[in-house]
């Protein structure tokens, strides 16, 4: 627990963050690609955001290999009103929040999210997600979003595709 209580946020190099219009961003986003995370092992991954009294309610769903749908709920909030695309997300009461930075979005089709932390100088955790309002995203759009990450000095080598085939994901909420 000491490690988790002593962390810092690492900022990507380069361009300034976007301005996020929170109300338009709300709704369901399907994961298209990600830097794999040990807490997210399934397919058909999706995130649903709902605005409630200035707090964003977060629900992440995934389909596990055994066919069950797993989910986790949490909250996100804007920490600094001058940087509304940089949120902190919390899933566990006793754990510190994690950064959730929206690097790019058009609100209707795609969003690019990045999160990076150092834990007491012992290890580095870096995650990123490319998400879409639908279960697919044109390859050109994915390429553009990967280019944005590279422009911020973020490696895209570890990205993997998320299986969003309709026949696999039909049991998702």
N, C-alpha and C. Protein backbone atom coordinates (compact mmCIF):
# COMPACT_ATOMS: atom_id res chain seq x y z
N UNK A 1 0.81 -1.20 0.00
CA UNK A 1 0.00 0.00 0.00
C UNK A 1 0.85 1.27 0.00
N UNK A 2 2.00 1.24 0.58
CA UNK A 2 2.85 2.42 0.61
C UNK A 2 3.20 2.86 -0.80
N UNK A 3 3.46 1.89 -1.66
CA UNK A 3 3.81 2.22 -3.05
C UNK A 3 2.68 2.98 -3.72
N UNK A 4 1.45 2.53 -3.54
CA UNK A 4 0.32 3.16 -4.21
C UNK A 4 0.04 4.56 -3.68
N UNK A 5 0.43 4.84 -2.46
CA UNK A 5 0.18 6.16 -1.91
C UNK A 5 1.26 7.17 -2.26
N UNK A 6 2.27 6.76 -3.00
CA UNK A 6 3.39 7.63 -3.30
C UNK A 6 3.66 7.59 -4.80
N UNK A 7 2.82 8.27 -5.58
CA UNK A 7 2.98 8.21 -7.02
C UNK A 7 2.94 9.60 -7.61
N UNK A 8 3.43 9.71 -8.83
CA UNK A 8 3.38 10.99 -9.53
C UNK A 8 2.91 10.76 -10.96
N UNK A 9 2.33 11.78 -11.52
CA UNK A 9 1.83 11.71 -12.89
C UNK A 9 2.91 12.21 -13.83
N UNK A 10 3.14 11.45 -14.88
CA UNK A 10 4.10 11.83 -15.90
C UNK A 10 3.34 12.47 -17.05
N UNK A 11 3.79 13.60 -17.53
CA UNK A 11 3.10 14.31 -18.60
C UNK A 11 3.72 13.98 -19.95
N UNK A 12 2.87 13.72 -20.97
CA UNK A 12 3.44 13.48 -22.29
C UNK A 12 4.08 14.75 -22.83
N UNK A 13 5.14 14.57 -23.63
CA UNK A 13 5.82 15.72 -24.22
C UNK A 13 4.99 16.27 -25.37
N UNK A 14 5.26 17.51 -25.69
CA UNK A 14 4.72 18.05 -26.93
C UNK A 14 3.51 18.92 -26.76
N UNK A 15 2.52 18.65 -27.56
CA UNK A 15 1.37 19.51 -27.75
C UNK A 15 0.55 19.71 -26.48
N UNK A 16 -0.11 20.86 -26.41
CA UNK A 16 -1.00 21.16 -25.30
C UNK A 16 -2.28 20.33 -25.43
N UNK A 17 -2.88 20.01 -24.32
CA UNK A 17 -4.08 19.20 -24.31
C UNK A 17 -5.28 19.94 -24.90
N UNK A 18 -6.29 19.18 -25.31
CA UNK A 18 -7.49 19.74 -25.91
C UNK A 18 -8.43 20.27 -24.83
N UNK A 19 -9.45 21.00 -25.23
CA UNK A 19 -10.51 21.42 -24.33
C UNK A 19 -11.62 20.40 -24.45
N UNK A 20 -12.03 19.81 -23.35
CA UNK A 20 -13.05 18.77 -23.36
C UNK A 20 -14.40 19.36 -22.97
N UNK A 21 -15.40 19.12 -23.79
CA UNK A 21 -16.77 19.53 -23.46
C UNK A 21 -17.44 18.29 -22.88
N UNK A 22 -17.49 18.24 -21.56
CA UNK A 22 -17.85 17.02 -20.84
C UNK A 22 -19.21 16.46 -21.24
N UNK A 23 -20.23 17.29 -21.37
CA UNK A 23 -21.58 16.79 -21.67
C UNK A 23 -21.62 16.04 -22.99
N UNK A 24 -20.92 16.52 -23.99
CA UNK A 24 -20.92 15.88 -25.30
C UNK A 24 -20.13 14.57 -25.26
N UNK A 25 -19.14 14.49 -24.40
CA UNK A 25 -18.28 13.30 -24.30
C UNK A 25 -18.99 12.12 -23.65
N UNK A 26 -20.05 12.37 -22.90
CA UNK A 26 -20.75 11.32 -22.17
C UNK A 26 -21.33 10.29 -23.14
N UNK A 27 -21.59 9.10 -22.59
CA UNK A 27 -22.18 8.02 -23.38
C UNK A 27 -21.24 6.84 -23.45
N UNK A 28 -21.51 5.95 -24.40
CA UNK A 28 -20.74 4.71 -24.53
C UNK A 28 -19.62 4.84 -25.55
N UNK A 29 -18.46 4.30 -25.18
CA UNK A 29 -17.29 4.23 -26.06
C UNK A 29 -16.80 2.78 -26.09
N UNK A 30 -16.56 2.25 -27.30
CA UNK A 30 -16.06 0.90 -27.48
C UNK A 30 -14.55 0.95 -27.71
N UNK A 31 -13.85 0.09 -27.01
CA UNK A 31 -12.39 0.05 -27.14
C UNK A 31 -11.99 -0.61 -28.46
N UNK A 32 -11.17 0.09 -29.23
CA UNK A 32 -10.68 -0.41 -30.52
C UNK A 32 -9.27 -0.97 -30.37
N UNK A 33 -8.41 -0.22 -29.68
CA UNK A 33 -7.03 -0.64 -29.42
C UNK A 33 -6.62 -0.14 -28.04
N UNK A 34 -5.57 -0.77 -27.49
CA UNK A 34 -5.08 -0.35 -26.18
C UNK A 34 -3.65 -0.79 -25.97
N UNK A 35 -2.99 -0.12 -25.03
CA UNK A 35 -1.77 -0.66 -24.44
C UNK A 35 -2.29 -1.62 -23.37
N UNK A 36 -1.98 -2.91 -23.47
CA UNK A 36 -2.56 -3.88 -22.53
C UNK A 36 -2.34 -3.51 -21.07
N UNK A 37 -3.37 -3.80 -20.28
CA UNK A 37 -3.35 -3.50 -18.85
C UNK A 37 -3.69 -4.77 -18.06
N UNK A 38 -3.01 -5.03 -16.95
CA UNK A 38 -3.27 -6.24 -16.18
C UNK A 38 -4.67 -6.28 -15.57
N UNK A 39 -5.32 -5.14 -15.46
CA UNK A 39 -6.66 -5.08 -14.89
C UNK A 39 -7.74 -5.18 -15.96
N UNK A 40 -7.35 -5.37 -17.20
CA UNK A 40 -8.31 -5.42 -18.29
C UNK A 40 -7.91 -6.55 -19.23
N UNK A 41 -8.52 -7.72 -19.03
CA UNK A 41 -8.08 -8.92 -19.73
C UNK A 41 -9.07 -9.42 -20.78
N UNK A 42 -10.25 -8.83 -20.86
CA UNK A 42 -11.28 -9.34 -21.74
C UNK A 42 -11.30 -8.72 -23.12
N UNK A 43 -12.34 -9.06 -23.85
CA UNK A 43 -12.61 -8.51 -25.17
C UNK A 43 -13.92 -7.74 -25.09
N UNK A 44 -14.34 -7.16 -26.20
CA UNK A 44 -15.60 -6.40 -26.27
C UNK A 44 -15.63 -5.27 -25.24
N UNK A 45 -14.48 -4.76 -24.86
CA UNK A 45 -14.39 -3.75 -23.80
C UNK A 45 -15.12 -2.47 -24.20
N UNK A 46 -15.81 -1.91 -23.23
CA UNK A 46 -16.52 -0.66 -23.46
C UNK A 46 -16.57 0.15 -22.17
N UNK A 47 -16.64 1.45 -22.34
CA UNK A 47 -16.74 2.37 -21.20
C UNK A 47 -17.98 3.22 -21.40
N UNK A 48 -18.73 3.42 -20.33
CA UNK A 48 -19.92 4.27 -20.37
C UNK A 48 -19.74 5.37 -19.34
N UNK A 49 -19.91 6.61 -19.79
CA UNK A 49 -19.74 7.78 -18.94
C UNK A 49 -21.07 8.51 -18.81
N UNK A 50 -21.42 8.86 -17.56
CA UNK A 50 -22.66 9.57 -17.27
C UNK A 50 -22.34 10.73 -16.34
N UNK A 51 -22.81 11.93 -16.67
CA UNK A 51 -22.56 13.10 -15.85
C UNK A 51 -23.62 13.21 -14.76
N UNK A 52 -23.18 13.36 -13.49
CA UNK A 52 -24.09 13.46 -12.37
C UNK A 52 -23.53 14.46 -11.36
N UNK A 53 -24.16 15.62 -11.24
CA UNK A 53 -23.75 16.65 -10.28
C UNK A 53 -22.27 17.02 -10.40
N UNK A 54 -21.80 17.18 -11.63
CA UNK A 54 -20.43 17.60 -11.86
C UNK A 54 -19.39 16.49 -11.77
N UNK A 55 -19.82 15.29 -11.45
CA UNK A 55 -18.94 14.12 -11.38
C UNK A 55 -19.30 13.19 -12.54
N UNK A 56 -18.28 12.60 -13.14
CA UNK A 56 -18.52 11.64 -14.22
C UNK A 56 -18.56 10.24 -13.61
N UNK A 57 -19.70 9.57 -13.77
CA UNK A 57 -19.81 8.18 -13.34
C UNK A 57 -19.25 7.31 -14.46
N UNK A 58 -18.39 6.37 -14.11
CA UNK A 58 -17.69 5.53 -15.08
C UNK A 58 -18.10 4.08 -14.87
N UNK A 59 -18.42 3.41 -15.96
CA UNK A 59 -18.65 1.95 -15.91
C UNK A 59 -17.88 1.33 -17.06
N UNK A 60 -16.96 0.43 -16.73
CA UNK A 60 -16.18 -0.29 -17.73
C UNK A 60 -16.64 -1.74 -17.74
N UNK A 61 -17.00 -2.24 -18.93
CA UNK A 61 -17.45 -3.62 -19.11
C UNK A 61 -16.49 -4.35 -20.03
N UNK A 62 -16.35 -5.67 -19.82
CA UNK A 62 -15.55 -6.51 -20.71
C UNK A 62 -16.11 -7.92 -20.69
N UNK A 63 -15.90 -8.64 -21.78
CA UNK A 63 -16.31 -10.04 -21.88
C UNK A 63 -15.09 -10.90 -21.59
N UNK A 64 -15.18 -11.71 -20.54
CA UNK A 64 -14.07 -12.57 -20.16
C UNK A 64 -14.05 -13.85 -21.00
N UNK A 65 -12.93 -14.55 -20.97
CA UNK A 65 -12.76 -15.76 -21.78
C UNK A 65 -13.78 -16.84 -21.45
N UNK A 66 -14.30 -16.85 -20.20
CA UNK A 66 -15.28 -17.86 -19.82
C UNK A 66 -16.71 -17.47 -20.22
N UNK A 67 -16.87 -16.35 -20.92
CA UNK A 67 -18.18 -15.94 -21.42
C UNK A 67 -18.97 -15.02 -20.50
N UNK A 68 -18.43 -14.71 -19.33
CA UNK A 68 -19.14 -13.80 -18.42
C UNK A 68 -18.73 -12.36 -18.68
N UNK A 69 -19.66 -11.47 -18.39
CA UNK A 69 -19.38 -10.04 -18.51
C UNK A 69 -18.92 -9.54 -17.14
N UNK A 70 -17.77 -8.91 -17.12
CA UNK A 70 -17.22 -8.33 -15.90
C UNK A 70 -17.30 -6.81 -16.01
N UNK A 71 -17.54 -6.15 -14.89
CA UNK A 71 -17.57 -4.69 -14.93
C UNK A 71 -17.00 -4.11 -13.65
N UNK A 72 -16.61 -2.85 -13.76
CA UNK A 72 -16.16 -2.08 -12.60
C UNK A 72 -16.74 -0.68 -12.74
N UNK A 73 -17.11 -0.10 -11.61
CA UNK A 73 -17.67 1.25 -11.62
C UNK A 73 -16.78 2.18 -10.80
N UNK A 74 -16.72 3.42 -11.24
CA UNK A 74 -15.93 4.42 -10.54
C UNK A 74 -16.41 5.81 -10.87
N UNK A 75 -15.57 6.78 -10.57
CA UNK A 75 -15.90 8.18 -10.86
C UNK A 75 -14.69 8.87 -11.47
N UNK A 76 -14.97 9.91 -12.20
CA UNK A 76 -13.90 10.75 -12.76
C UNK A 76 -14.28 12.20 -12.52
N UNK A 77 -13.26 13.03 -12.36
CA UNK A 77 -13.53 14.45 -12.18
C UNK A 77 -12.41 15.27 -12.79
N UNK A 78 -12.77 16.46 -13.20
CA UNK A 78 -11.80 17.42 -13.71
C UNK A 78 -11.15 18.07 -12.49
N UNK A 79 -9.84 18.03 -12.43
CA UNK A 79 -9.11 18.55 -11.28
C UNK A 79 -8.85 20.04 -11.43
N UNK A 80 -8.51 20.47 -12.63
CA UNK A 80 -8.16 21.86 -12.91
C UNK A 80 -9.04 22.35 -14.06
N UNK A 81 -9.93 23.29 -13.77
CA UNK A 81 -10.87 23.79 -14.79
C UNK A 81 -10.17 24.37 -16.01
N UNK A 82 -8.92 24.79 -15.86
CA UNK A 82 -8.19 25.33 -17.01
C UNK A 82 -7.68 24.22 -17.94
N UNK A 83 -7.74 22.97 -17.48
CA UNK A 83 -7.34 21.82 -18.30
C UNK A 83 -8.43 20.74 -18.22
N UNK A 84 -9.61 21.00 -18.82
CA UNK A 84 -10.75 20.11 -18.66
C UNK A 84 -10.61 18.74 -19.32
N UNK A 85 -9.62 18.55 -20.18
CA UNK A 85 -9.41 17.24 -20.81
C UNK A 85 -8.53 16.33 -19.95
N UNK A 86 -8.09 16.84 -18.80
CA UNK A 86 -7.29 16.04 -17.88
C UNK A 86 -8.13 15.73 -16.65
N UNK A 87 -8.55 14.49 -16.57
CA UNK A 87 -9.38 14.07 -15.46
C UNK A 87 -8.61 13.10 -14.57
N UNK A 88 -9.14 12.88 -13.38
CA UNK A 88 -8.65 11.83 -12.49
C UNK A 88 -9.78 10.84 -12.32
N UNK A 89 -9.46 9.56 -12.44
CA UNK A 89 -10.47 8.52 -12.31
C UNK A 89 -10.15 7.66 -11.09
N UNK A 90 -11.21 7.31 -10.34
CA UNK A 90 -11.06 6.49 -9.13
C UNK A 90 -12.00 5.30 -9.21
N UNK A 91 -11.46 4.12 -8.91
CA UNK A 91 -12.29 2.92 -8.88
C UNK A 91 -12.34 2.30 -7.49
N UNK A 92 -11.37 2.62 -6.64
CA UNK A 92 -11.31 2.04 -5.30
C UNK A 92 -11.12 3.15 -4.29
N UNK A 93 -11.86 3.10 -3.20
CA UNK A 93 -11.86 4.15 -2.19
C UNK A 93 -10.48 4.40 -1.58
N UNK A 94 -9.72 3.35 -1.32
CA UNK A 94 -8.44 3.50 -0.63
C UNK A 94 -7.25 3.69 -1.56
N UNK A 95 -7.48 3.68 -2.86
CA UNK A 95 -6.38 3.84 -3.82
C UNK A 95 -6.39 5.26 -4.38
N UNK A 96 -5.23 5.78 -4.70
CA UNK A 96 -5.19 7.13 -5.30
C UNK A 96 -5.81 7.11 -6.69
N UNK A 97 -6.35 8.24 -7.14
CA UNK A 97 -6.92 8.29 -8.48
C UNK A 97 -5.83 8.18 -9.54
N UNK A 98 -6.24 7.75 -10.72
CA UNK A 98 -5.31 7.68 -11.84
C UNK A 98 -5.64 8.74 -12.86
N UNK A 99 -4.65 9.20 -13.60
CA UNK A 99 -4.90 10.21 -14.63
C UNK A 99 -5.67 9.61 -15.81
N UNK A 100 -6.55 10.40 -16.37
CA UNK A 100 -7.33 10.05 -17.56
C UNK A 100 -7.30 11.28 -18.44
N UNK A 101 -6.41 11.28 -19.42
CA UNK A 101 -6.22 12.45 -20.27
C UNK A 101 -6.77 12.18 -21.66
N UNK A 102 -7.70 13.00 -22.08
CA UNK A 102 -8.24 12.90 -23.44
C UNK A 102 -7.31 13.71 -24.35
N UNK A 103 -6.55 13.01 -25.18
CA UNK A 103 -5.61 13.69 -26.07
C UNK A 103 -6.27 14.14 -27.37
N UNK A 104 -7.34 13.43 -27.78
CA UNK A 104 -8.05 13.80 -29.01
C UNK A 104 -9.44 13.19 -28.98
N UNK A 105 -10.41 13.91 -29.50
CA UNK A 105 -11.76 13.38 -29.68
C UNK A 105 -12.51 14.25 -30.67
N UNK A 106 -13.43 13.63 -31.41
CA UNK A 106 -14.37 14.41 -32.21
C UNK A 106 -15.78 14.26 -31.64
N UNK A 107 -15.91 13.60 -30.49
CA UNK A 107 -17.13 13.38 -29.73
C UNK A 107 -18.10 12.40 -30.39
N UNK A 108 -18.13 12.33 -31.71
CA UNK A 108 -19.09 11.48 -32.42
C UNK A 108 -18.53 10.15 -32.87
N UNK A 109 -17.22 10.07 -33.09
CA UNK A 109 -16.63 8.87 -33.68
C UNK A 109 -15.49 8.27 -32.87
N UNK A 110 -14.56 9.09 -32.40
CA UNK A 110 -13.37 8.55 -31.75
C UNK A 110 -12.95 9.37 -30.54
N UNK A 111 -12.20 8.71 -29.67
CA UNK A 111 -11.51 9.38 -28.58
C UNK A 111 -10.18 8.66 -28.34
N UNK A 112 -9.19 9.42 -27.95
CA UNK A 112 -7.86 8.90 -27.64
C UNK A 112 -7.53 9.29 -26.21
N UNK A 113 -7.31 8.30 -25.36
CA UNK A 113 -7.09 8.52 -23.94
C UNK A 113 -5.71 8.00 -23.54
N UNK A 114 -5.08 8.71 -22.61
CA UNK A 114 -3.74 8.34 -22.15
C UNK A 114 -3.68 8.45 -20.63
N UNK A 115 -2.94 7.53 -20.02
CA UNK A 115 -2.75 7.54 -18.58
C UNK A 115 -1.34 7.03 -18.27
N UNK A 116 -0.65 7.74 -17.40
CA UNK A 116 0.73 7.37 -17.10
C UNK A 116 1.07 7.79 -15.67
N UNK A 117 1.67 6.88 -14.91
CA UNK A 117 2.06 7.18 -13.52
C UNK A 117 3.36 6.47 -13.18
N UNK A 118 4.12 7.08 -12.28
CA UNK A 118 5.28 6.44 -11.67
C UNK A 118 4.90 6.16 -10.22
N UNK A 119 5.20 4.97 -9.74
CA UNK A 119 4.86 4.58 -8.38
C UNK A 119 6.13 4.54 -7.53
N UNK A 120 6.30 5.60 -6.73
CA UNK A 120 7.42 5.71 -5.78
C UNK A 120 8.77 5.49 -6.46
N UNK A 121 8.84 5.76 -7.74
CA UNK A 121 10.08 5.57 -8.47
C UNK A 121 10.45 4.11 -8.69
N UNK A 122 9.55 3.20 -8.28
CA UNK A 122 9.84 1.77 -8.39
C UNK A 122 9.39 1.17 -9.71
N UNK A 123 8.24 1.62 -10.20
CA UNK A 123 7.80 1.15 -11.50
C UNK A 123 6.94 2.19 -12.18
N UNK A 124 6.83 2.02 -13.47
CA UNK A 124 6.15 2.97 -14.35
C UNK A 124 4.95 2.26 -14.98
N UNK A 125 3.79 2.88 -14.95
CA UNK A 125 2.59 2.31 -15.57
C UNK A 125 2.10 3.28 -16.64
N UNK A 126 1.92 2.77 -17.84
CA UNK A 126 1.48 3.59 -18.97
C UNK A 126 0.38 2.85 -19.71
N UNK A 127 -0.74 3.53 -19.92
CA UNK A 127 -1.88 2.93 -20.61
C UNK A 127 -2.42 3.94 -21.61
N UNK A 128 -3.03 3.42 -22.64
CA UNK A 128 -3.69 4.28 -23.62
C UNK A 128 -4.78 3.48 -24.31
N UNK A 129 -5.83 4.17 -24.69
CA UNK A 129 -6.96 3.53 -25.35
C UNK A 129 -7.41 4.36 -26.54
N UNK A 130 -7.68 3.68 -27.63
CA UNK A 130 -8.37 4.28 -28.77
C UNK A 130 -9.78 3.71 -28.72
N UNK A 131 -10.77 4.59 -28.64
CA UNK A 131 -12.16 4.14 -28.52
C UNK A 131 -13.03 4.81 -29.58
N UNK A 132 -14.17 4.16 -29.83
CA UNK A 132 -15.09 4.62 -30.86
C UNK A 132 -16.52 4.51 -30.34
N UNK A 133 -17.40 5.31 -30.90
CA UNK A 133 -18.82 5.20 -30.55
C UNK A 133 -19.42 3.91 -31.09
N UNK A 134 -18.79 3.32 -32.10
CA UNK A 134 -19.22 2.05 -32.68
C UNK A 134 -18.12 1.02 -32.44
N UNK A 135 -18.38 -0.23 -32.78
CA UNK A 135 -17.41 -1.30 -32.54
C UNK A 135 -16.29 -1.34 -33.57
N UNK A 136 -16.32 -0.44 -34.54
CA UNK A 136 -15.25 -0.37 -35.55
C UNK A 136 -14.83 1.08 -35.73
N UNK A 137 -13.65 1.25 -36.29
CA UNK A 137 -13.11 2.58 -36.57
C UNK A 137 -12.25 2.45 -37.82
N UNK A 138 -12.40 3.35 -38.80
CA UNK A 138 -11.59 3.25 -40.02
C UNK A 138 -10.09 3.22 -39.70
N UNK A 139 -9.36 2.41 -40.46
CA UNK A 139 -7.91 2.28 -40.26
C UNK A 139 -7.20 3.62 -40.36
N UNK A 140 -7.70 4.51 -41.23
CA UNK A 140 -7.08 5.83 -41.38
C UNK A 140 -7.18 6.62 -40.08
N UNK A 141 -8.33 6.53 -39.42
CA UNK A 141 -8.53 7.23 -38.15
C UNK A 141 -7.61 6.66 -37.09
N UNK A 142 -7.52 5.33 -37.03
CA UNK A 142 -6.62 4.69 -36.06
C UNK A 142 -5.19 5.15 -36.30
N UNK A 143 -4.77 5.20 -37.56
CA UNK A 143 -3.41 5.65 -37.89
C UNK A 143 -3.17 7.08 -37.43
N UNK A 144 -4.16 7.95 -37.65
CA UNK A 144 -4.04 9.35 -37.21
C UNK A 144 -3.90 9.43 -35.69
N UNK A 145 -4.67 8.64 -34.97
CA UNK A 145 -4.63 8.67 -33.51
C UNK A 145 -3.30 8.12 -32.98
N UNK A 146 -2.80 7.07 -33.61
CA UNK A 146 -1.47 6.56 -33.23
C UNK A 146 -0.41 7.62 -33.49
N UNK A 147 -0.58 8.39 -34.57
CA UNK A 147 0.34 9.49 -34.88
C UNK A 147 0.32 10.57 -33.81
N UNK A 148 -0.86 10.85 -33.26
CA UNK A 148 -0.96 11.83 -32.18
C UNK A 148 -0.16 11.36 -30.96
N UNK A 149 -0.30 10.08 -30.63
CA UNK A 149 0.48 9.55 -29.51
C UNK A 149 1.97 9.71 -29.76
N UNK A 150 2.41 9.37 -30.96
CA UNK A 150 3.84 9.50 -31.29
C UNK A 150 4.29 10.95 -31.18
N UNK A 151 3.42 11.90 -31.58
CA UNK A 151 3.79 13.32 -31.50
C UNK A 151 3.95 13.78 -30.05
N UNK A 152 3.36 13.04 -29.12
CA UNK A 152 3.50 13.32 -27.69
C UNK A 152 4.67 12.54 -27.08
N UNK A 153 5.41 11.81 -27.91
CA UNK A 153 6.53 11.03 -27.41
C UNK A 153 6.13 9.71 -26.77
N UNK A 154 4.93 9.22 -27.10
CA UNK A 154 4.40 7.99 -26.52
C UNK A 154 4.57 6.86 -27.53
N UNK A 155 5.22 5.79 -27.12
CA UNK A 155 5.43 4.64 -28.01
C UNK A 155 4.10 3.93 -28.28
N UNK A 156 3.92 3.52 -29.52
CA UNK A 156 2.71 2.78 -29.90
C UNK A 156 3.03 1.31 -30.19
N UNK A 157 4.24 0.90 -29.92
CA UNK A 157 4.68 -0.47 -30.24
C UNK A 157 3.86 -1.54 -29.52
N UNK A 158 3.42 -1.28 -28.31
CA UNK A 158 2.72 -2.30 -27.53
C UNK A 158 1.22 -2.36 -27.73
N UNK A 159 0.68 -1.53 -28.61
CA UNK A 159 -0.76 -1.50 -28.81
C UNK A 159 -1.28 -2.83 -29.35
N UNK A 160 -2.44 -3.25 -28.85
CA UNK A 160 -3.11 -4.45 -29.36
C UNK A 160 -4.55 -4.09 -29.73
N UNK A 161 -5.11 -4.83 -30.68
CA UNK A 161 -6.50 -4.62 -31.07
C UNK A 161 -7.41 -5.36 -30.10
N UNK A 162 -8.58 -4.78 -29.86
CA UNK A 162 -9.60 -5.40 -29.03
C UNK A 162 -10.62 -6.04 -29.96
N UNK A 163 -10.97 -7.29 -29.69
CA UNK A 163 -11.96 -7.99 -30.50
C UNK A 163 -13.34 -7.41 -30.22
N UNK A 164 -13.96 -6.83 -31.22
CA UNK A 164 -15.29 -6.23 -31.08
C UNK A 164 -16.28 -6.85 -32.08
N UNK A 165 -15.99 -8.08 -32.54
CA UNK A 165 -16.89 -8.72 -33.51
C UNK A 165 -18.30 -8.83 -32.93
N UNK A 166 -19.32 -8.47 -33.71
CA UNK A 166 -20.71 -8.53 -33.22
C UNK A 166 -21.10 -9.89 -32.67
N UNK A 167 -20.68 -10.96 -33.33
CA UNK A 167 -21.07 -12.30 -32.86
C UNK A 167 -20.45 -12.62 -31.50
N UNK A 168 -19.30 -12.06 -31.19
CA UNK A 168 -18.66 -12.26 -29.89
C UNK A 168 -19.27 -11.35 -28.83
N UNK A 169 -19.59 -10.13 -29.21
CA UNK A 169 -19.98 -9.09 -28.24
C UNK A 169 -21.50 -8.96 -28.05
N UNK A 170 -22.28 -9.88 -28.58
CA UNK A 170 -23.74 -9.75 -28.52
C UNK A 170 -24.29 -9.78 -27.10
N UNK A 171 -23.56 -10.33 -26.14
CA UNK A 171 -24.06 -10.41 -24.76
C UNK A 171 -23.71 -9.17 -23.92
N UNK A 172 -23.02 -8.21 -24.53
CA UNK A 172 -22.64 -7.01 -23.78
C UNK A 172 -23.86 -6.13 -23.52
N UNK A 173 -23.87 -5.44 -22.36
CA UNK A 173 -25.01 -4.56 -22.07
C UNK A 173 -25.10 -3.39 -23.03
